[in-house]
PDB file of N, CA and C in Angstrom:
ATOM      1  N   MET A   1     -11.946 -14.711 -28.976  1.00  0.00           N
ATOM      2  CA  MET A   1     -11.470 -13.656 -27.744  1.00  0.00           C
ATOM      3  C   MET A   1      -9.902 -13.073 -27.805  1.00  0.00           C
ATOM      4  N   GLY A   2      -9.536 -12.001 -27.438  1.00  0.00           N
ATOM      5  CA  GLY A   2      -7.977 -12.037 -27.935  1.00  0.00           C
ATOM      6  C   GLY A   2      -7.010 -11.778 -26.947  1.00  0.00           C
ATOM      7  N   ASP A   3      -6.265 -11.798 -26.860  1.00  0.00           N
ATOM      8  CA  ASP A   3      -5.085 -12.125 -25.815  1.00  0.00           C
ATOM      9  C   ASP A   3      -5.635 -11.390 -24.846  1.00  0.00           C
ATOM     10  N   ILE A   4      -4.801 -12.163 -23.616  1.00  0.00           N
ATOM     11  CA  ILE A   4      -4.952 -11.343 -22.540  1.00  0.00           C
ATOM     12  C   ILE A   4      -4.117 -10.937 -21.885  1.00  0.00           C
ATOM     13  N   ALA A   5      -3.860  -9.727 -21.928  1.00  0.00           N
ATOM     14  CA  ALA A   5      -2.607  -8.837 -21.371  1.00  0.00           C
ATOM     15  C   ALA A   5      -2.055  -8.980 -20.535  1.00  0.00           C
ATOM     16  N   ALA A   6      -0.329  -9.285 -20.315  1.00  0.00           N
ATOM     17  CA  ALA A   6       0.300  -9.263 -18.994  1.00  0.00           C
ATOM     18  C   ALA A   6       0.604  -7.904 -18.182  1.00  0.00           C
ATOM     19  N   LEU A   7       0.711  -8.337 -17.214  1.00  0.00           N
ATOM     20  CA  LEU A   7       1.221  -7.809 -16.142  1.00  0.00           C
ATOM     21  C   LEU A   7       2.306  -6.851 -16.336  1.00  0.00           C
ATOM     22  N   ASP A   8       2.392  -5.268 -17.080  1.00  0.00           N
ATOM     23  CA  ASP A   8       3.814  -5.297 -16.828  1.00  0.00           C
ATOM     24  C   ASP A   8       4.723  -4.779 -15.910  1.00  0.00           C
ATOM     25  N   LEU A   9       5.930  -5.322 -15.458  1.00  0.00           N
ATOM     26  CA  LEU A   9       6.938  -5.615 -14.865  1.00  0.00           C
ATOM     27  C   LEU A   9       8.040  -4.966 -14.820  1.00  0.00           C
ATOM     28  N   SER A  10       8.007  -4.250 -15.832  1.00  0.00           N
ATOM     29  CA  SER A  10       9.369  -3.061 -16.674  1.00  0.00           C
ATOM     30  C   SER A  10       9.109  -2.089 -15.601  1.00  0.00           C
ATOM     31  N   PRO A  11      10.890  -1.575 -15.111  1.00  0.00           N
ATOM     32  CA  PRO A  11      10.571  -0.258 -14.486  1.00  0.00           C
ATOM     33  C   PRO A  11      10.661   0.708 -15.325  1.00  0.00           C
ATOM     34  N   ARG A  12       9.425   1.627 -14.080  1.00  0.00           N
ATOM     35  CA  ARG A  12       8.577   2.999 -14.264  1.00  0.00           C
ATOM     36  C   ARG A  12       8.812   3.248 -12.901  1.00  0.00           C
ATOM     37  N   SER A  13       7.985   4.541 -13.450  1.00  0.00           N
ATOM     38  CA  SER A  13       7.767   5.354 -12.184  1.00  0.00           C
ATOM     39  C   SER A  13       6.511   6.357 -12.379  1.00  0.00           C
ATOM     40  N   PHE A  14       5.111   6.323 -11.239  1.00  0.00           N
ATOM     41  CA  PHE A  14       4.513   6.880 -11.619  1.00  0.00           C
ATOM     42  C   PHE A  14       3.239   7.738 -11.031  1.00  0.00           C
ATOM     43  N   CYS A  15       2.709   7.715 -10.402  1.00  0.00           N
ATOM     44  CA  CYS A  15       2.269   9.018  -9.242  1.00  0.00           C
ATOM     45  C   CYS A  15       0.848   8.437  -9.360  1.00  0.00           C
ATOM     46  N   THR A  16       0.260   7.912  -7.976  1.00  0.00           N
ATOM     47  CA  THR A  16      -1.414   7.356  -7.954  1.00  0.00           C
ATOM     48  C   THR A  16      -2.411   7.660  -6.655  1.00  0.00           C
ATOM     49  N   ARG A  17      -3.356   8.361  -6.713  1.00  0.00           N
ATOM     50  CA  ARG A  17      -4.339   8.798  -5.838  1.00  0.00           C
ATOM     51  C   ARG A  17      -4.187   7.853  -4.851  1.00  0.00           C
ATOM     52  N   VAL A  18      -4.517   6.788  -5.293  1.00  0.00           N
ATOM     53  CA  VAL A  18      -4.821   5.554  -4.189  1.00  0.00           C
ATOM     54  C   VAL A  18      -3.217   5.118  -3.454  1.00  0.00           C
ATOM     55  N   GLY A  19      -2.470   6.078  -3.227  1.00  0.00           N
ATOM     56  CA  GLY A  19      -1.665   4.775  -2.690  1.00  0.00           C
ATOM     57  C   GLY A  19      -1.539   4.103  -1.155  1.00  0.00           C
ATOM     58  N   GLY A  20      -2.017   4.452  -0.597  1.00  0.00           N
ATOM     59  CA  GLY A  20      -2.722   3.901   0.837  1.00  0.00           C
ATOM     60  C   GLY A  20      -2.929   2.426  -0.207  1.00  0.00           C
ATOM     61  N   LEU A  21      -3.401   2.132  -0.798  1.00  0.00           N
ATOM     62  CA  LEU A  21      -3.565   0.058  -1.096  1.00  0.00           C
ATOM     63  C   LEU A  21      -2.691  -0.154  -0.577  1.00  0.00           C
ATOM     64  N   PHE A  22      -1.249   0.220  -1.021  1.00  0.00           N
ATOM     65  CA  PHE A  22       0.025  -0.500  -1.249  1.00  0.00           C
ATOM     66  C   PHE A  22       0.387  -1.395   0.405  1.00  0.00           C
ATOM     67  N   LEU A  23      -0.258  -0.139   1.621  1.00  0.00           N
ATOM     68  CA  LEU A  23       0.146  -0.691   2.653  1.00  0.00           C
ATOM     69  C   LEU A  23      -0.582  -1.920   3.175  1.00  0.00           C
ATOM     70  N   PHE A  24      -1.586  -2.523   2.564  1.00  0.00           N
ATOM     71  CA  PHE A  24      -2.380  -3.556   2.687  1.00  0.00           C
ATOM     72  C   PHE A  24      -2.159  -4.373   2.095  1.00  0.00           C
ATOM     73  N   VAL A  25      -0.971  -4.723   1.387  1.00  0.00           N
ATOM     74  CA  VAL A  25      -0.391  -5.888   0.668  1.00  0.00           C
ATOM     75  C   VAL A  25      -0.282  -6.791   1.771  1.00  0.00           C
ATOM     76  N   PRO A  26       0.813  -6.447   2.833  1.00  0.00           N
ATOM     77  CA  PRO A  26       1.309  -8.029   3.733  1.00  0.00           C
ATOM     78  C   PRO A  26      -0.194  -7.852   4.789  1.00  0.00           C
ATOM     79  N   LEU A  27      -1.393  -7.346   4.509  1.00  0.00           N
ATOM     80  CA  LEU A  27      -1.824  -7.976   5.501  1.00  0.00           C
ATOM     81  C   LEU A  27      -3.169  -8.736   4.525  1.00  0.00           C
ATOM     82  N   MET A  28      -2.494  -8.766   3.615  1.00  0.00           N
ATOM     83  CA  MET A  28      -3.695  -9.830   2.665  1.00  0.00           C
ATOM     84  C   MET A  28      -4.317 -10.752   2.978  1.00  0.00           C
ATOM     85  N   LYS A  29      -3.426 -11.895   3.783  1.00  0.00           N
ATOM     86  CA  LYS A  29      -3.519 -13.328   4.013  1.00  0.00           C
ATOM     87  C   LYS A  29      -4.497 -13.053   5.240  1.00  0.00           C
ATOM     88  N   GLU A  30      -4.332 -11.749   5.713  1.00  0.00           N
ATOM     89  CA  GLU A  30      -4.868 -11.206   7.589  1.00  0.00           C
ATOM     90  C   GLU A  30      -5.687 -10.138   7.778  1.00  0.00           C
ATOM     91  N   ILE A  31      -6.730 -10.138   6.557  1.00  0.00           N
ATOM     92  CA  ILE A  31      -7.177  -8.627   6.708  1.00  0.00           C
ATOM     93  C   ILE A  31      -8.170  -8.495   7.563  1.00  0.00           C
ATOM     94  N   ASP A  32      -8.956  -9.587   8.820  1.00  0.00           N
ATOM     95  CA  ASP A  32      -9.627  -9.054   9.673  1.00  0.00           C
ATOM     96  C   ASP A  32      -8.312  -8.389  10.686  1.00  0.00           C
ATOM     97  N   LEU A  33      -7.216  -8.613  10.799  1.00  0.00           N
ATOM     98  CA  LEU A  33      -6.218  -7.769  11.538  1.00  0.00           C
ATOM     99  C   LEU A  33      -6.081  -6.205  11.440  1.00  0.00           C
ATOM    100  N   MET A  34      -6.470  -6.048  10.219  1.00  0.00           N
ATOM    101  CA  MET A  34      -6.225  -4.306   9.816  1.00  0.00           C
ATOM    102  C   MET A  34      -6.487  -3.519  10.858  1.00  0.00           C
ATOM    103  N   ALA A  35      -7.645  -3.305  11.500  1.00  0.00           N
ATOM    104  CA  ALA A  35      -8.098  -2.354  12.256  1.00  0.00           C
ATOM    105  C   ALA A  35      -7.299  -2.321  13.862  1.00  0.00           C
ATOM    106  N   GLY A  36      -7.061  -3.574  14.295  1.00  0.00           N
ATOM    107  CA  GLY A  36      -6.461  -3.715  15.323  1.00  0.00           C
ATOM    108  C   GLY A  36      -4.858  -3.624  15.098  1.00  0.00           C
ATOM    109  N   LYS A  37      -4.226  -3.360  13.993  1.00  0.00           N
ATOM    110  CA  LYS A  37      -2.853  -2.835  13.814  1.00  0.00           C
ATOM    111  C   LYS A  37      -2.775  -1.325  13.330  1.00  0.00           C
ATOM    112  N   ILE A  38      -3.955  -0.553  12.949  1.00  0.00           N
ATOM    113  CA  ILE A  38      -4.153   0.594  12.442  1.00  0.00           C
ATOM    114  C   ILE A  38      -4.279   1.621  14.175  1.00  0.00           C
ATOM    115  N   GLY A  39      -5.303   0.843  14.772  1.00  0.00           N
ATOM    116  CA  GLY A  39      -5.845   2.102  16.434  1.00  0.00           C
ATOM    117  C   GLY A  39      -6.860   1.835  16.015  1.00  0.00           C
ATOM    118  N   ARG A  40      -7.822   2.054  17.738  1.00  0.00           N
ATOM    119  CA  ARG A  40      -8.989   1.717  17.796  1.00  0.00           C
ATOM    120  C   ARG A  40      -9.878   2.596  17.126  1.00  0.00           C
ATOM    121  N   GLU A  41      -9.390   4.117  16.601  1.00  0.00           N
ATOM    122  CA  GLU A  41     -10.229   4.646  15.546  1.00  0.00           C
ATOM    123  C   GLU A  41     -11.091   3.955  14.938  1.00  0.00           C
ATOM    124  N   TYR A  42     -10.341   3.229  14.436  1.00  0.00           N
ATOM    125  CA  TYR A  42     -10.450   2.479  12.960  1.00  0.00           C
ATOM    126  C   TYR A  42     -11.247   0.632  13.257  1.00  0.00           C
ATOM    127  N   ASP A  43     -11.631   0.970  14.644  1.00  0.00           N
ATOM    128  CA  ASP A  43     -12.158  -0.637  14.922  1.00  0.00           C
ATOM    129  C   ASP A  43     -13.666  -0.810  14.057  1.00  0.00           C
ATOM    130  N   ARG A  44     -14.207  -0.105  13.811  1.00  0.00           N
ATOM    131  CA  ARG A  44     -15.964   0.537  13.595  1.00  0.00           C
ATOM    132  C   ARG A  44     -16.409   1.385  12.725  1.00  0.00           C
ATOM    133  N   ALA A  45     -14.818   1.876  11.716  1.00  0.00           N
ATOM    134  CA  ALA A  45     -15.134   2.599  10.829  1.00  0.00           C
ATOM    135  C   ALA A  45     -15.555   2.363   9.993  1.00  0.00           C
ATOM    136  N   GLN A  46     -16.378   2.385   9.341  1.00  0.00           N
ATOM    137  CA  GLN A  46     -16.985   2.933   8.066  1.00  0.00           C
ATOM    138  C   GLN A  46     -16.309   2.608   6.602  1.00  0.00           C
ATOM    139  N   ALA A  47     -16.461   2.511   5.913  1.00  0.00           N
ATOM    140  CA  ALA A  47     -15.795   2.190   4.843  1.00  0.00           C
ATOM    141  C   ALA A  47     -15.578   3.514   4.452  1.00  0.00           C
ATOM    142  N   LYS A  48     -16.298   4.446   3.793  1.00  0.00           N
ATOM    143  CA  LYS A  48     -15.979   5.784   3.384  1.00  0.00           C
ATOM    144  C   LYS A  48     -15.072   6.097   4.143  1.00  0.00           C
ATOM    145  N   LYS A  49     -14.903   6.631   5.754  1.00  0.00           N
ATOM    146  CA  LYS A  49     -13.420   7.199   6.322  1.00  0.00           C
ATOM    147  C   LYS A  49     -12.485   6.020   6.049  1.00  0.00           C
ATOM    148  N   ILE A  50     -12.110   4.920   6.470  1.00  0.00           N
ATOM    149  CA  ILE A  50     -11.113   4.090   6.308  1.00  0.00           C
ATOM    150  C   ILE A  50     -10.485   4.387   4.692  1.00  0.00           C
ATOM    151  N   PHE A  51     -11.080   4.490   3.299  1.00  0.00           N
ATOM    152  CA  PHE A  51     -11.131   5.384   2.396  1.00  0.00           C
ATOM    153  C   PHE A  51     -10.587   6.437   1.937  1.00  0.00           C
ATOM    154  N   ARG A  52     -11.367   7.553   2.692  1.00  0.00           N
ATOM    155  CA  ARG A  52     -10.653   8.867   3.160  1.00  0.00           C
ATOM    156  C   ARG A  52      -9.387   9.407   3.778  1.00  0.00           C
ATOM    157  N   ASN A  53      -9.480   8.563   4.893  1.00  0.00           N
ATOM    158  CA  ASN A  53      -8.180   8.705   5.497  1.00  0.00           C
ATOM    159  C   ASN A  53      -6.679   7.783   5.248  1.00  0.00           C
ATOM    160  N   LEU A  54      -7.210   6.631   5.041  1.00  0.00           N
ATOM    161  CA  LEU A  54      -5.951   5.551   4.931  1.00  0.00           C
ATOM    162  C   LEU A  54      -5.653   5.579   3.276  1.00  0.00           C
ATOM    163  N   LEU A  55      -6.586   5.134   2.320  1.00  0.00           N
ATOM    164  CA  LEU A  55      -6.499   4.568   0.995  1.00  0.00           C
ATOM    165  C   LEU A  55      -6.203   5.607  -0.076  1.00  0.00           C
ATOM    166  N   ASP A  56      -7.203   6.898   0.161  1.00  0.00           N
ATOM    167  CA  ASP A  56      -7.060   8.068  -1.016  1.00  0.00           C
ATOM    168  C   ASP A  56      -5.487   8.577  -0.234  1.00  0.00           C
ATOM    169  N   VAL A  57      -4.733   8.391  -0.870  1.00  0.00           N
ATOM    170  CA  VAL A  57      -3.631   9.036  -0.342  1.00  0.00           C
ATOM    171  C   VAL A  57      -2.504   8.971  -1.480  1.00  0.00           C
ATOM    172  N   SER A  58      -2.399  10.118  -2.289  1.00  0.00           N
ATOM    173  CA  SER A  58      -1.597  10.201  -2.983  1.00  0.00           C
ATOM    174  C   SER A  58       0.221   9.431  -3.697  1.00  0.00           C
ATOM    175  N   ALA A  59       0.615   8.916  -3.811  1.00  0.00           N
ATOM    176  CA  ALA A  59       1.800   8.513  -3.904  1.00  0.00           C
ATOM    177  C   ALA A  59       1.916   8.075  -4.670  1.00  0.00           C
ATOM    178  N   THR A  60       4.034   8.403  -4.501  1.00  0.00           N
ATOM    179  CA  THR A  60       4.966   7.947  -5.823  1.00  0.00           C
ATOM    180  C   THR A  60       5.317   6.735  -6.236  1.00  0.00           C
ATOM    181  N   VAL A  61       4.990   5.863  -6.897  1.00  0.00           N
ATOM    182  CA  VAL A  61       5.472   4.847  -6.998  1.00  0.00           C
ATOM    183  C   VAL A  61       6.380   4.689  -8.564  1.00  0.00           C
ATOM    184  N   GLU A  62       7.971   4.077  -7.880  1.00  0.00           N
ATOM    185  CA  GLU A  62       8.247   3.401  -8.209  1.00  0.00           C
ATOM    186  C   GLU A  62       8.988   1.882  -8.592  1.00  0.00           C
ATOM    187  N   VAL A  63       8.642   1.653  -9.882  1.00  0.00           N
ATOM    188  CA  VAL A  63       8.907   0.075 -10.307  1.00  0.00           C
ATOM    189  C   VAL A  63      10.501  -0.270 -10.757  1.00  0.00           C
ATOM    190  N   GLY A  64      11.462  -0.932  -9.910  1.00  0.00           N
ATOM    191  CA  GLY A  64      12.614  -1.371 -10.516  1.00  0.00           C
ATOM    192  C   GLY A  64      12.648  -2.546 -10.930  1.00  0.00           C
ATOM    193  N   GLU A  65      13.357  -2.994 -10.751  1.00  0.00           N
ATOM    194  CA  GLU A  65      13.697  -4.686 -11.042  1.00  0.00           C
ATOM    195  C   GLU A  65      13.544  -5.529 -10.367  1.00  0.00           C
ATOM    196  N   ARG A  66      13.918  -4.954  -8.982  1.00  0.00           N
ATOM    197  CA  ARG A  66      14.136  -6.300  -7.519  1.00  0.00           C
ATOM    198  C   ARG A  66      12.845  -5.426  -6.846  1.00  0.00           C
ATOM    199  N   GLN A  67      12.325  -4.259  -6.905  1.00  0.00           N
ATOM    200  CA  GLN A  67      11.669  -3.493  -5.821  1.00  0.00           C
ATOM    201  C   GLN A  67      10.779  -2.608  -6.115  1.00  0.00           C
ATOM    202  N   VAL A  68       9.582  -2.079  -5.851  1.00  0.00           N
ATOM    203  CA  VAL A  68       8.734  -1.492  -5.851  1.00  0.00           C
ATOM    204  C   VAL A  68       8.909  -0.931  -4.349  1.00  0.00           C
ATOM    205  N   ASP A  69       8.797   1.083  -4.931  1.00  0.00           N
ATOM    206  CA  ASP A  69       9.385   1.533  -3.164  1.00  0.00           C
ATOM    207  C   ASP A  69       8.050   2.407  -3.580  1.00  0.00           C
ATOM    208  N   VAL A  70       7.115   2.643  -3.032  1.00  0.00           N
ATOM    209  CA  VAL A  70       6.166   3.170  -2.628  1.00  0.00           C
ATOM    210  C   VAL A  70       5.774   4.357  -1.742  1.00  0.00           C
ATOM    211  N   THR A  71       5.966   5.948  -1.774  1.00  0.00           N
ATOM    212  CA  THR A  71       6.565   6.907  -1.515  1.00  0.00           C
ATOM    213  C   THR A  71       5.123   7.925  -0.829  1.00  0.00           C
ATOM    214  N   LEU A  72       4.498   7.599   0.115  1.00  0.00           N
ATOM    215  CA  LEU A  72       3.014   7.864   0.411  1.00  0.00           C
ATOM    216  C   LEU A  72       3.216   9.674   0.809  1.00  0.00           C
ATOM    217  N   ASP A  73       1.674  10.499  -0.071  1.00  0.00           N
ATOM    218  CA  ASP A  73       2.631  12.052   0.750  1.00  0.00           C
ATOM    219  C   ASP A  73       2.149  11.876   1.771  1.00  0.00           C
ATOM    220  N   LYS A  74       2.319  13.711   2.106  1.00  0.00           N
ATOM    221  CA  LYS A  74       2.230  14.039   3.910  1.00  0.00           C
ATOM    222  C   LYS A  74       0.660  14.102   4.037  1.00  0.00           C
ATOM    223  N   ARG A  75       0.758  13.188   4.908  1.00  0.00           N
ATOM    224  CA  ARG A  75      -1.541  13.691   5.406  1.00  0.00           C
ATOM    225  C   ARG A  75      -1.426  13.457   6.914  1.00  0.00           C
ATOM    226  N   ALA A  76      -2.452  14.095   7.412  1.00  0.00           N
ATOM    227  CA  ALA A  76      -2.813  13.972   9.060  1.00  0.00           C
ATOM    228  C   ALA A  76      -2.334  12.964   9.318  1.00  0.00           C
ATOM    229  N   HIS A  77      -3.143  11.886   8.821  1.00  0.00           N
ATOM    230  CA  HIS A  77      -3.585  10.219   9.626  1.00  0.00           C
ATOM    231  C   HIS A  77      -2.198   9.746   9.394  1.00  0.00           C
ATOM    232  N   ASN A  78      -0.845  10.025   8.314  1.00  0.00           N
ATOM    233  CA  ASN A  78       0.208   9.237   8.461  1.00  0.00           C
ATOM    234  C   ASN A  78       0.775   8.653  10.321  1.00  0.00           C
ATOM    235  N   PRO A  79       0.845   9.403  10.962  1.00  0.00           N
ATOM    236  CA  PRO A  79       1.298   9.112  12.220  1.00  0.00           C
ATOM    237  C   PRO A  79       0.853   7.712  12.674  1.00  0.00           C
ATOM    238  N   TYR A  80      -0.563   7.877  12.316  1.00  0.00           N
ATOM    239  CA  TYR A  80      -1.405   6.012  12.523  1.00  0.00           C
ATOM    240  C   TYR A  80      -0.738   5.276  12.076  1.00  0.00           C
ATOM    241  N   LEU A  81      -0.537   5.313  10.250  1.00  0.00           N
ATOM    242  CA  LEU A  81       0.042   3.692   9.222  1.00  0.00           C
ATOM    243  C   LEU A  81       1.181   3.554  10.126  1.00  0.00           C
ATOM    244  N   ILE A  82       2.296   4.885  10.279  1.00  0.00           N
ATOM    245  CA  ILE A  82       3.631   4.304  10.696  1.00  0.00           C
ATOM    246  C   ILE A  82       3.584   3.679  12.249  1.00  0.00           C
ATOM    247  N   ALA A  83       2.758   3.906  13.443  1.00  0.00           N
ATOM    248  CA  ALA A  83       2.243   3.973  14.544  1.00  0.00           C
ATOM    249  C   ALA A  83       1.983   1.864  14.567  1.00  0.00           C
ATOM    250  N   SER A  84       1.322   1.591  13.034  1.00  0.00           N
ATOM    251  CA  SER A  84       1.116   0.273  13.012  1.00  0.00           C
ATOM    252  C   SER A  84       1.669  -0.242  12.623  1.00  0.00           C
ATOM    253  N   GLY A  85       3.671  -0.122  11.917  1.00  0.00           N
ATOM    254  CA  GLY A  85       4.150  -0.978  11.244  1.00  0.00           C
ATOM    255  C   GLY A  85       3.780  -1.698  10.087  1.00  0.00           C
ATOM    256  N   LEU A  86       2.691  -1.257   9.400  1.00  0.00           N
ATOM    257  CA  LEU A  86       2.287  -1.820   8.454  1.00  0.00           C
ATOM    258  C   LEU A  86       3.711  -1.877   7.011  1.00  0.00           C
ATOM    259  N   ALA A  87       4.326  -0.779   7.754  1.00  0.00           N
ATOM    260  CA  ALA A  87       4.962  -0.140   6.457  1.00  0.00           C
ATOM    261  C   ALA A  87       6.984  -0.447   7.014  1.00  0.00           C
ATOM    262  N   ASP A  88       6.830  -1.016   8.032  1.00  0.00           N
ATOM    263  CA  ASP A  88       7.808  -1.128   8.437  1.00  0.00           C
ATOM    264  C   ASP A  88       8.994  -2.617   7.726  1.00  0.00           C
ATOM    265  N   ILE A  89       8.151  -3.877   8.198  1.00  0.00           N
ATOM    266  CA  ILE A  89       8.967  -4.726   6.899  1.00  0.00           C
ATOM    267  C   ILE A  89       8.899  -4.938   5.472  1.00  0.00           C
ATOM    268  N   PRO A  90       9.734  -4.662   4.690  1.00  0.00           N
ATOM    269  CA  PRO A  90       9.225  -5.308   3.039  1.00  0.00           C
ATOM    270  C   PRO A  90       8.285  -6.481   2.457  1.00  0.00           C
ATOM    271  N   THR A  91       8.117  -6.282   2.207  1.00  0.00           N
ATOM    272  CA  THR A  91       6.903  -7.395   1.920  1.00  0.00           C
ATOM    273  C   THR A  91       7.404  -8.283   0.493  1.00  0.00           C
ATOM    274  N   ARG A  92       7.263  -9.172  -0.134  1.00  0.00           N
ATOM    275  CA  ARG A  92       7.542 -10.104  -1.068  1.00  0.00           C
ATOM    276  C   ARG A  92       6.190 -10.167  -1.631  1.00  0.00           C
ATOM    277  N   MET A  93       6.431  -9.748  -2.936  1.00  0.00           N
ATOM    278  CA  MET A  93       5.032  -9.792  -4.626  1.00  0.00           C
ATOM    279  C   MET A  93       4.699 -10.699  -5.019  1.00  0.00           C
ATOM    280  N   PRO A  94       4.539 -12.173  -4.729  1.00  0.00           N
ATOM    281  CA  PRO A  94       5.188 -13.069  -5.633  1.00  0.00           C
ATOM    282  C   PRO A  94       4.163 -13.024  -6.799  1.00  0.00           C
ATOM    283  N   TRP A  95       2.680 -12.204  -7.039  1.00  0.00           N
ATOM    284  CA  TRP A  95       2.200 -11.912  -8.858  1.00  0.00           C
ATOM    285  C   TRP A  95       2.699 -10.959  -8.679  1.00  0.00           C
ATOM    286  N   PHE A  96       3.791 -10.345  -8.055  1.00  0.00           N
ATOM    287  CA  PHE A  96       4.131  -9.039  -9.156  1.00  0.00           C
ATOM    288  C   PHE A  96       5.586  -9.409  -9.037  1.00  0.00           C
ATOM    289  N   GLY A  97       6.121 -10.405  -9.997  1.00  0.00           N
ATOM    290  CA  GLY A  97       7.140 -10.628 -10.311  1.00  0.00           C
ATOM    291  C   GLY A  97       8.149 -10.822  -8.767  1.00  0.00           C
ATOM    292  N   ASN A  98       7.347 -11.535  -7.861  1.00  0.00           N
ATOM    293  CA  ASN A  98       8.387 -11.346  -6.478  1.00  0.00           C
ATOM    294  C   ASN A  98       9.351 -10.493  -6.524  1.00  0.00           C
ATOM    295  N   LYS A  99       8.904  -9.135  -6.645  1.00  0.00           N
ATOM    296  CA  LYS A  99       9.922  -7.744  -6.326  1.00  0.00           C
ATOM    297  C   LYS A  99       9.071  -7.568  -4.841  1.00  0.00           C
ATOM    298  N   GLN A 100      10.014  -6.910  -4.115  1.00  0.00           N
ATOM    299  CA  GLN A 100       9.691  -6.649  -2.446  1.00  0.00           C
ATOM    300  C   GLN A 100       8.870  -4.859  -2.981  1.00  0.00           C
ATOM    301  N   LEU A 101       8.062  -4.792  -1.833  1.00  0.00           N
ATOM    302  CA  LEU A 101       7.506  -3.868  -1.834  1.00  0.00           C
ATOM    303  C   LEU A 101       7.886  -3.486  -0.132  1.00  0.00           C
ATOM    304  N   SER A 102       8.285  -2.683  -0.611  1.00  0.00           N
ATOM    305  CA  SER A 102       8.932  -0.969   0.452  1.00  0.00           C
ATOM    306  C   SER A 102       8.262   0.222   0.359  1.00  0.00           C
ATOM    307  N   ILE A 103       7.385   0.690   1.574  1.00  0.00           N
ATOM    308  CA  ILE A 103       6.756   1.391   1.637  1.00  0.00           C
ATOM    309  C   ILE A 103       7.127   2.632   2.546  1.00  0.00           C
ATOM    310  N   ARG A 104       7.496   4.463   2.171  1.00  0.00           N
ATOM    311  CA  ARG A 104       7.714   5.471   3.195  1.00  0.00           C
ATOM    312  C   ARG A 104       7.137   6.331   2.953  1.00  0.00           C
ATOM    313  N   PHE A 105       6.925   7.292   3.984  1.00  0.00           N
ATOM    314  CA  PHE A 105       6.666   8.674   3.824  1.00  0.00           C
ATOM    315  C   PHE A 105       7.043   9.629   3.439  1.00  0.00           C
ATOM    316  N   ALA A 106       6.498  10.825   3.039  1.00  0.00           N
ATOM    317  CA  ALA A 106       7.510  11.246   2.791  1.00  0.00           C
ATOM    318  C   ALA A 106       6.880  12.669   4.216  1.00  0.00           C
TER     319      ALA A 106
END
């Protein structure tokens, strides 16, 4: 077996179609509270709806020396995400060089 590639922590910028995934980093330890934070509309939502409305969001990701900034593109469901407060507090990511994750909305 070859060497396992190391996670690239170097500064860079890229676009992704699943920028909404970054919103849920702060909730990884408490994933069962996710629907309660986003709104009643998602209490019993199927995975397809959650993916389409909340995760399948284009975003620009900028990886810096100490911070990762994710700017989510405009979407009709952004008011739910903003109201949830998921993006209000930057989150430390120990698995990513202890960089701080900051979420913004375009």
